[in-house]
């Protein structure tokens, strides 16, 4: 499995495991517009690791991620094809640095840590 990355230093923020349904839009590595229904695997206040991406992306590409009613602009910082599949995992970082990109309040964030995310997000939609 090969990984492309522009970040070689340690993470600056702790990741929180959270599977959130998202819609990802952008232009793929072939120059074509795409829209994927995907999900986060883990999040930070300013970024995420996305799964179920079905289009190859390049490092530094910009994508729009929609979560609930929020549209967040991200930059791709790494990509990795999942071996034996047509899926990619993608690391993204928010372009705007205004706190919590996901708009989650503290009680929802705490629910992630206590493995209650599915209950807290049962009514959420992309």
N, C-alpha and C. Protein backbone atom coordinates (compact mmCIF):
# COMPACT_ATOMS: atom_id res chain seq x y z
N UNK A 1 0.85 -1.17 0.00
CA UNK A 1 0.00 0.00 0.00
C UNK A 1 0.89 1.24 0.00
N UNK A 2 0.72 2.11 -0.97
CA UNK A 2 1.54 3.29 -1.08
C UNK A 2 0.77 4.50 -0.60
N UNK A 3 1.47 5.41 0.06
CA UNK A 3 0.83 6.60 0.61
C UNK A 3 1.52 7.84 0.08
N UNK A 4 0.74 8.84 -0.29
CA UNK A 4 1.28 10.12 -0.72
C UNK A 4 0.99 11.12 0.39
N UNK A 5 1.99 11.95 0.77
CA UNK A 5 1.76 12.87 1.86
C UNK A 5 2.62 14.11 1.74
N UNK A 6 2.07 15.25 2.19
CA UNK A 6 2.88 16.45 2.31
C UNK A 6 3.18 16.72 3.77
N UNK A 7 2.61 15.91 4.67
CA UNK A 7 2.85 16.07 6.09
C UNK A 7 3.69 14.91 6.58
N UNK A 8 4.93 15.20 6.98
CA UNK A 8 5.78 14.14 7.49
C UNK A 8 6.01 14.30 8.98
N UNK A 9 5.58 15.41 9.54
CA UNK A 9 5.75 15.63 10.97
C UNK A 9 4.62 14.96 11.73
N UNK A 10 4.78 14.90 13.07
CA UNK A 10 3.73 14.32 13.90
C UNK A 10 2.46 15.14 13.83
N UNK A 11 1.35 14.48 14.08
CA UNK A 11 0.07 15.18 14.12
C UNK A 11 0.10 16.28 15.16
N UNK A 12 -0.55 17.38 14.85
CA UNK A 12 -0.62 18.50 15.79
C UNK A 12 -1.82 18.39 16.70
N UNK A 13 -2.80 17.56 16.35
CA UNK A 13 -4.02 17.42 17.15
C UNK A 13 -4.36 15.95 17.29
N UNK A 14 -4.96 15.61 18.42
CA UNK A 14 -5.40 14.23 18.61
C UNK A 14 -6.61 13.94 17.74
N UNK A 15 -6.66 12.73 17.22
CA UNK A 15 -7.81 12.29 16.44
C UNK A 15 -8.85 11.71 17.37
N UNK A 16 -10.11 11.90 16.99
CA UNK A 16 -11.23 11.30 17.71
C UNK A 16 -11.92 10.35 16.73
N UNK A 17 -12.05 9.09 17.13
CA UNK A 17 -12.75 8.14 16.26
C UNK A 17 -14.20 8.58 16.14
N UNK A 18 -14.63 8.77 14.90
CA UNK A 18 -16.01 9.21 14.66
C UNK A 18 -16.39 8.85 13.24
N UNK A 19 -17.44 8.07 13.10
CA UNK A 19 -17.95 7.71 11.78
C UNK A 19 -19.16 8.61 11.51
N UNK A 20 -18.92 9.66 10.71
CA UNK A 20 -19.96 10.63 10.38
C UNK A 20 -20.26 10.53 8.89
N UNK A 21 -21.52 10.50 8.51
CA UNK A 21 -21.85 10.45 7.08
C UNK A 21 -21.57 11.81 6.43
N UNK A 22 -20.86 11.80 5.32
CA UNK A 22 -20.52 13.05 4.63
C UNK A 22 -20.70 12.89 3.13
N UNK A 23 -20.82 14.03 2.45
CA UNK A 23 -20.85 14.08 1.00
C UNK A 23 -19.59 14.84 0.60
N UNK A 24 -18.81 14.27 -0.32
CA UNK A 24 -17.55 14.88 -0.74
C UNK A 24 -17.66 15.24 -2.21
N UNK A 25 -17.38 16.51 -2.53
CA UNK A 25 -17.43 17.00 -3.91
C UNK A 25 -16.10 17.63 -4.28
N UNK A 26 -15.75 17.51 -5.54
CA UNK A 26 -14.53 18.14 -6.00
C UNK A 26 -14.21 17.72 -7.42
N UNK A 27 -12.96 17.89 -7.76
CA UNK A 27 -12.45 17.46 -9.07
C UNK A 27 -11.39 16.40 -8.79
N UNK A 28 -11.55 15.23 -9.43
CA UNK A 28 -10.64 14.12 -9.15
C UNK A 28 -9.33 14.26 -9.92
N UNK A 29 -8.46 13.28 -9.75
CA UNK A 29 -7.13 13.31 -10.37
C UNK A 29 -7.21 13.30 -11.90
N UNK A 30 -8.32 12.83 -12.47
CA UNK A 30 -8.50 12.81 -13.92
C UNK A 30 -9.09 14.12 -14.44
N UNK A 31 -9.35 15.07 -13.53
CA UNK A 31 -9.90 16.36 -13.93
C UNK A 31 -11.40 16.39 -14.07
N UNK A 32 -12.08 15.34 -13.57
CA UNK A 32 -13.53 15.26 -13.68
C UNK A 32 -14.19 15.59 -12.35
N UNK A 33 -15.34 16.30 -12.44
CA UNK A 33 -16.12 16.58 -11.23
C UNK A 33 -16.65 15.27 -10.66
N UNK A 34 -16.69 15.19 -9.33
CA UNK A 34 -17.24 14.00 -8.68
C UNK A 34 -18.01 14.39 -7.43
N UNK A 35 -18.84 13.47 -7.00
CA UNK A 35 -19.54 13.58 -5.72
C UNK A 35 -19.64 12.18 -5.16
N UNK A 36 -19.11 11.98 -3.97
CA UNK A 36 -19.15 10.68 -3.31
C UNK A 36 -19.88 10.79 -1.99
N UNK A 37 -20.71 9.79 -1.69
CA UNK A 37 -21.22 9.62 -0.34
C UNK A 37 -20.15 8.83 0.39
N UNK A 38 -19.64 9.39 1.46
CA UNK A 38 -18.51 8.78 2.17
C UNK A 38 -18.75 8.89 3.67
N UNK A 39 -17.71 8.69 4.45
CA UNK A 39 -17.80 8.84 5.90
C UNK A 39 -16.43 9.19 6.47
N UNK A 40 -16.47 9.80 7.65
CA UNK A 40 -15.22 10.02 8.35
C UNK A 40 -14.85 8.73 9.07
N UNK A 41 -13.56 8.56 9.29
CA UNK A 41 -13.07 7.46 10.12
C UNK A 41 -12.63 8.01 11.47
N UNK A 42 -12.03 9.17 11.42
CA UNK A 42 -11.71 9.93 12.62
C UNK A 42 -11.62 11.40 12.24
N UNK A 43 -11.74 12.25 13.27
CA UNK A 43 -11.76 13.69 13.03
C UNK A 43 -10.87 14.41 14.03
N UNK A 44 -10.48 15.62 13.68
CA UNK A 44 -9.87 16.59 14.58
C UNK A 44 -10.70 17.86 14.41
N UNK A 45 -10.50 18.86 15.24
CA UNK A 45 -11.26 20.09 15.04
C UNK A 45 -11.04 20.73 13.66
N UNK A 46 -9.91 20.44 13.02
CA UNK A 46 -9.63 21.07 11.72
C UNK A 46 -9.37 20.10 10.58
N UNK A 47 -9.69 18.82 10.77
CA UNK A 47 -9.41 17.87 9.70
C UNK A 47 -10.12 16.56 9.91
N UNK A 48 -9.79 15.60 9.03
CA UNK A 48 -10.43 14.29 9.12
C UNK A 48 -9.68 13.28 8.27
N UNK A 49 -9.95 12.02 8.57
CA UNK A 49 -9.57 10.92 7.70
C UNK A 49 -10.87 10.40 7.13
N UNK A 50 -11.00 10.45 5.81
CA UNK A 50 -12.22 10.04 5.13
C UNK A 50 -12.06 8.65 4.54
N UNK A 51 -13.12 7.88 4.56
CA UNK A 51 -13.15 6.56 3.94
C UNK A 51 -14.26 6.51 2.91
N UNK A 52 -14.23 5.47 2.08
CA UNK A 52 -15.24 5.23 1.05
C UNK A 52 -15.20 6.27 -0.06
N UNK A 53 -14.02 6.81 -0.33
CA UNK A 53 -13.85 7.72 -1.46
C UNK A 53 -13.58 6.85 -2.68
N UNK A 54 -14.34 7.05 -3.75
CA UNK A 54 -14.24 6.19 -4.94
C UNK A 54 -13.58 6.89 -6.12
N UNK A 55 -12.91 8.00 -5.87
CA UNK A 55 -12.20 8.73 -6.92
C UNK A 55 -10.79 9.03 -6.44
N UNK A 56 -9.81 8.85 -7.33
CA UNK A 56 -8.43 9.18 -6.99
C UNK A 56 -8.31 10.69 -6.87
N UNK A 57 -7.64 11.13 -5.81
CA UNK A 57 -7.40 12.55 -5.60
C UNK A 57 -5.90 12.77 -5.48
N UNK A 58 -5.49 14.00 -5.73
CA UNK A 58 -4.08 14.37 -5.59
C UNK A 58 -3.88 15.17 -4.31
N UNK A 59 -2.70 15.05 -3.73
CA UNK A 59 -2.34 15.90 -2.61
C UNK A 59 -2.44 17.34 -3.08
N UNK A 60 -2.97 18.20 -2.23
CA UNK A 60 -3.21 19.63 -2.46
C UNK A 60 -4.52 19.92 -3.19
N UNK A 61 -5.25 18.88 -3.66
CA UNK A 61 -6.57 19.11 -4.23
C UNK A 61 -7.47 19.70 -3.15
N UNK A 62 -8.46 20.46 -3.60
CA UNK A 62 -9.46 21.01 -2.68
C UNK A 62 -10.77 20.27 -2.88
N UNK A 63 -11.43 19.97 -1.77
CA UNK A 63 -12.73 19.29 -1.82
C UNK A 63 -13.68 20.01 -0.87
N UNK A 64 -14.96 19.88 -1.15
CA UNK A 64 -16.00 20.39 -0.26
C UNK A 64 -16.66 19.19 0.40
N UNK A 65 -16.68 19.22 1.72
CA UNK A 65 -17.30 18.14 2.49
C UNK A 65 -18.55 18.72 3.15
N UNK A 66 -19.68 18.04 2.94
CA UNK A 66 -20.92 18.46 3.57
C UNK A 66 -21.25 17.48 4.69
N UNK A 67 -21.42 18.03 5.89
CA UNK A 67 -21.83 17.24 7.05
C UNK A 67 -23.00 17.99 7.69
N UNK A 68 -24.12 17.32 7.82
CA UNK A 68 -25.37 17.95 8.25
C UNK A 68 -25.62 19.10 7.30
N UNK A 69 -25.77 20.30 7.78
CA UNK A 69 -26.00 21.45 6.90
C UNK A 69 -24.74 22.26 6.69
N UNK A 70 -23.60 21.77 7.17
CA UNK A 70 -22.33 22.50 7.07
C UNK A 70 -21.58 22.10 5.81
N UNK A 71 -21.08 23.09 5.08
CA UNK A 71 -20.19 22.84 3.94
C UNK A 71 -18.82 23.34 4.36
N UNK A 72 -17.85 22.44 4.31
CA UNK A 72 -16.51 22.76 4.79
C UNK A 72 -15.53 22.54 3.65
N UNK A 73 -14.68 23.53 3.41
CA UNK A 73 -13.65 23.44 2.37
C UNK A 73 -12.40 22.83 2.98
N UNK A 74 -11.89 21.77 2.34
CA UNK A 74 -10.70 21.08 2.83
C UNK A 74 -9.66 20.99 1.72
N UNK A 75 -8.43 20.76 2.14
CA UNK A 75 -7.33 20.47 1.23
C UNK A 75 -6.86 19.05 1.53
N UNK A 76 -6.62 18.28 0.48
CA UNK A 76 -6.13 16.91 0.64
C UNK A 76 -4.67 16.97 1.06
N UNK A 77 -4.34 16.28 2.16
CA UNK A 77 -2.95 16.27 2.61
C UNK A 77 -2.29 14.90 2.43
N UNK A 78 -3.10 13.86 2.23
CA UNK A 78 -2.56 12.54 1.86
C UNK A 78 -3.68 11.68 1.30
N UNK A 79 -3.30 10.70 0.51
CA UNK A 79 -4.26 9.73 -0.03
C UNK A 79 -3.64 8.34 0.04
N UNK A 80 -4.51 7.34 0.15
CA UNK A 80 -4.04 5.96 0.17
C UNK A 80 -5.13 5.08 -0.42
N UNK A 81 -4.77 4.32 -1.45
CA UNK A 81 -5.71 3.36 -2.04
C UNK A 81 -5.77 2.14 -1.12
N UNK A 82 -6.98 1.66 -0.89
CA UNK A 82 -7.15 0.46 -0.06
C UNK A 82 -6.89 -0.74 -0.96
N UNK A 83 -5.91 -1.51 -0.58
CA UNK A 83 -5.46 -2.64 -1.39
C UNK A 83 -6.61 -3.59 -1.72
N UNK A 84 -6.70 -3.97 -2.99
CA UNK A 84 -7.71 -4.91 -3.45
C UNK A 84 -9.09 -4.31 -3.67
N UNK A 85 -9.19 -2.98 -3.58
CA UNK A 85 -10.49 -2.32 -3.77
C UNK A 85 -10.32 -1.11 -4.69
N UNK A 86 -11.42 -0.48 -5.01
CA UNK A 86 -11.39 0.76 -5.77
C UNK A 86 -11.61 1.95 -4.84
N UNK A 87 -11.41 1.74 -3.54
CA UNK A 87 -11.63 2.78 -2.54
C UNK A 87 -10.33 3.42 -2.10
N UNK A 88 -10.48 4.66 -1.65
CA UNK A 88 -9.35 5.41 -1.11
C UNK A 88 -9.70 5.92 0.27
N UNK A 89 -8.67 6.05 1.11
CA UNK A 89 -8.77 6.84 2.33
C UNK A 89 -8.05 8.13 2.02
N UNK A 90 -8.56 9.22 2.56
CA UNK A 90 -8.00 10.54 2.26
C UNK A 90 -7.90 11.34 3.54
N UNK A 91 -6.75 11.93 3.77
CA UNK A 91 -6.58 12.84 4.90
C UNK A 91 -6.80 14.26 4.41
N UNK A 92 -7.65 15.01 5.12
CA UNK A 92 -7.97 16.38 4.71
C UNK A 92 -7.78 17.33 5.87
N UNK A 93 -7.47 18.57 5.51
CA UNK A 93 -7.31 19.62 6.51
C UNK A 93 -8.15 20.82 6.08
N UNK A 94 -8.90 21.39 7.03
CA UNK A 94 -9.78 22.52 6.73
C UNK A 94 -8.97 23.72 6.28
N UNK A 95 -9.48 24.41 5.27
CA UNK A 95 -8.81 25.62 4.79
C UNK A 95 -9.04 26.79 5.73
N UNK A 96 -10.22 26.89 6.33
CA UNK A 96 -10.50 27.95 7.31
C UNK A 96 -10.15 27.43 8.70
N UNK A 97 -9.46 28.21 9.46
CA UNK A 97 -9.02 27.80 10.80
C UNK A 97 -9.83 28.51 11.87
N UNK A 98 -11.13 28.30 11.87
CA UNK A 98 -11.98 29.00 12.82
C UNK A 98 -12.58 28.06 13.86
N UNK A 99 -11.72 27.32 14.53
CA UNK A 99 -12.20 26.44 15.60
C UNK A 99 -12.56 25.06 15.10
N UNK A 100 -13.76 24.62 15.45
CA UNK A 100 -14.21 23.27 15.16
C UNK A 100 -14.91 23.21 13.80
N UNK A 101 -14.23 22.66 12.81
CA UNK A 101 -14.79 22.56 11.46
C UNK A 101 -16.09 21.76 11.44
N UNK A 102 -16.25 20.83 12.37
CA UNK A 102 -17.40 19.92 12.36
C UNK A 102 -18.61 20.47 13.08
N UNK A 103 -18.45 21.55 13.83
CA UNK A 103 -19.58 22.16 14.53
C UNK A 103 -20.15 21.28 15.62
N UNK A 104 -19.33 20.42 16.17
CA UNK A 104 -19.80 19.53 17.24
C UNK A 104 -19.59 20.21 18.58
N UNK A 105 -20.63 20.17 19.41
CA UNK A 105 -20.45 20.75 20.73
C UNK A 105 -19.75 19.75 21.63
N UNK A 106 -19.39 20.16 22.80
CA UNK A 106 -18.60 19.32 23.70
C UNK A 106 -19.31 18.02 24.06
N UNK A 107 -20.61 18.05 24.26
CA UNK A 107 -21.31 16.81 24.64
C UNK A 107 -21.25 15.78 23.53
N UNK A 108 -21.36 16.21 22.25
CA UNK A 108 -21.24 15.26 21.14
C UNK A 108 -19.82 14.74 21.05
N UNK A 109 -18.83 15.62 21.24
CA UNK A 109 -17.43 15.19 21.19
C UNK A 109 -17.16 14.17 22.28
N UNK A 110 -17.70 14.40 23.48
CA UNK A 110 -17.50 13.46 24.57
C UNK A 110 -18.18 12.13 24.27
N UNK A 111 -19.31 12.17 23.58
CA UNK A 111 -20.00 10.93 23.23
C UNK A 111 -19.13 10.07 22.33
N UNK A 112 -18.34 10.69 21.44
CA UNK A 112 -17.46 9.91 20.59
C UNK A 112 -16.49 9.12 21.43
N UNK A 113 -15.88 9.76 22.40
CA UNK A 113 -14.89 9.11 23.24
C UNK A 113 -15.47 7.98 24.06
N UNK A 114 -16.75 8.04 24.37
CA UNK A 114 -17.40 7.00 25.18
C UNK A 114 -18.11 5.97 24.32
N UNK A 115 -17.80 5.94 23.02
CA UNK A 115 -18.38 4.97 22.10
C UNK A 115 -19.89 5.11 21.96
N UNK A 116 -20.43 6.33 22.12
CA UNK A 116 -21.85 6.52 21.96
C UNK A 116 -22.16 7.32 20.70
N UNK A 117 -21.22 7.47 19.81
CA UNK A 117 -21.43 8.26 18.60
C UNK A 117 -22.64 7.82 17.79
N UNK A 118 -22.86 6.49 17.57
CA UNK A 118 -24.02 6.11 16.77
C UNK A 118 -25.35 6.59 17.37
N UNK A 119 -25.47 6.59 18.69
CA UNK A 119 -26.68 7.06 19.34
C UNK A 119 -26.80 8.57 19.15
N UNK A 120 -25.70 9.29 19.40
CA UNK A 120 -25.73 10.74 19.32
C UNK A 120 -26.00 11.21 17.88
N UNK A 121 -25.64 10.40 16.89
CA UNK A 121 -25.75 10.82 15.51
C UNK A 121 -26.82 10.08 14.73
N UNK A 122 -27.69 9.37 15.42
CA UNK A 122 -28.67 8.55 14.75
C UNK A 122 -29.55 9.34 13.78
N UNK A 123 -29.85 10.59 14.10
CA UNK A 123 -30.70 11.39 13.22
C UNK A 123 -29.93 12.22 12.24
N UNK A 124 -28.60 12.12 12.24
CA UNK A 124 -27.77 12.95 11.37
C UNK A 124 -27.84 12.45 9.94
N UNK A 125 -27.74 13.39 9.01
CA UNK A 125 -27.66 13.00 7.60
C UNK A 125 -26.66 13.87 6.90
N UNK A 126 -26.11 13.38 5.79
CA UNK A 126 -25.09 14.13 5.05
C UNK A 126 -25.70 15.29 4.31
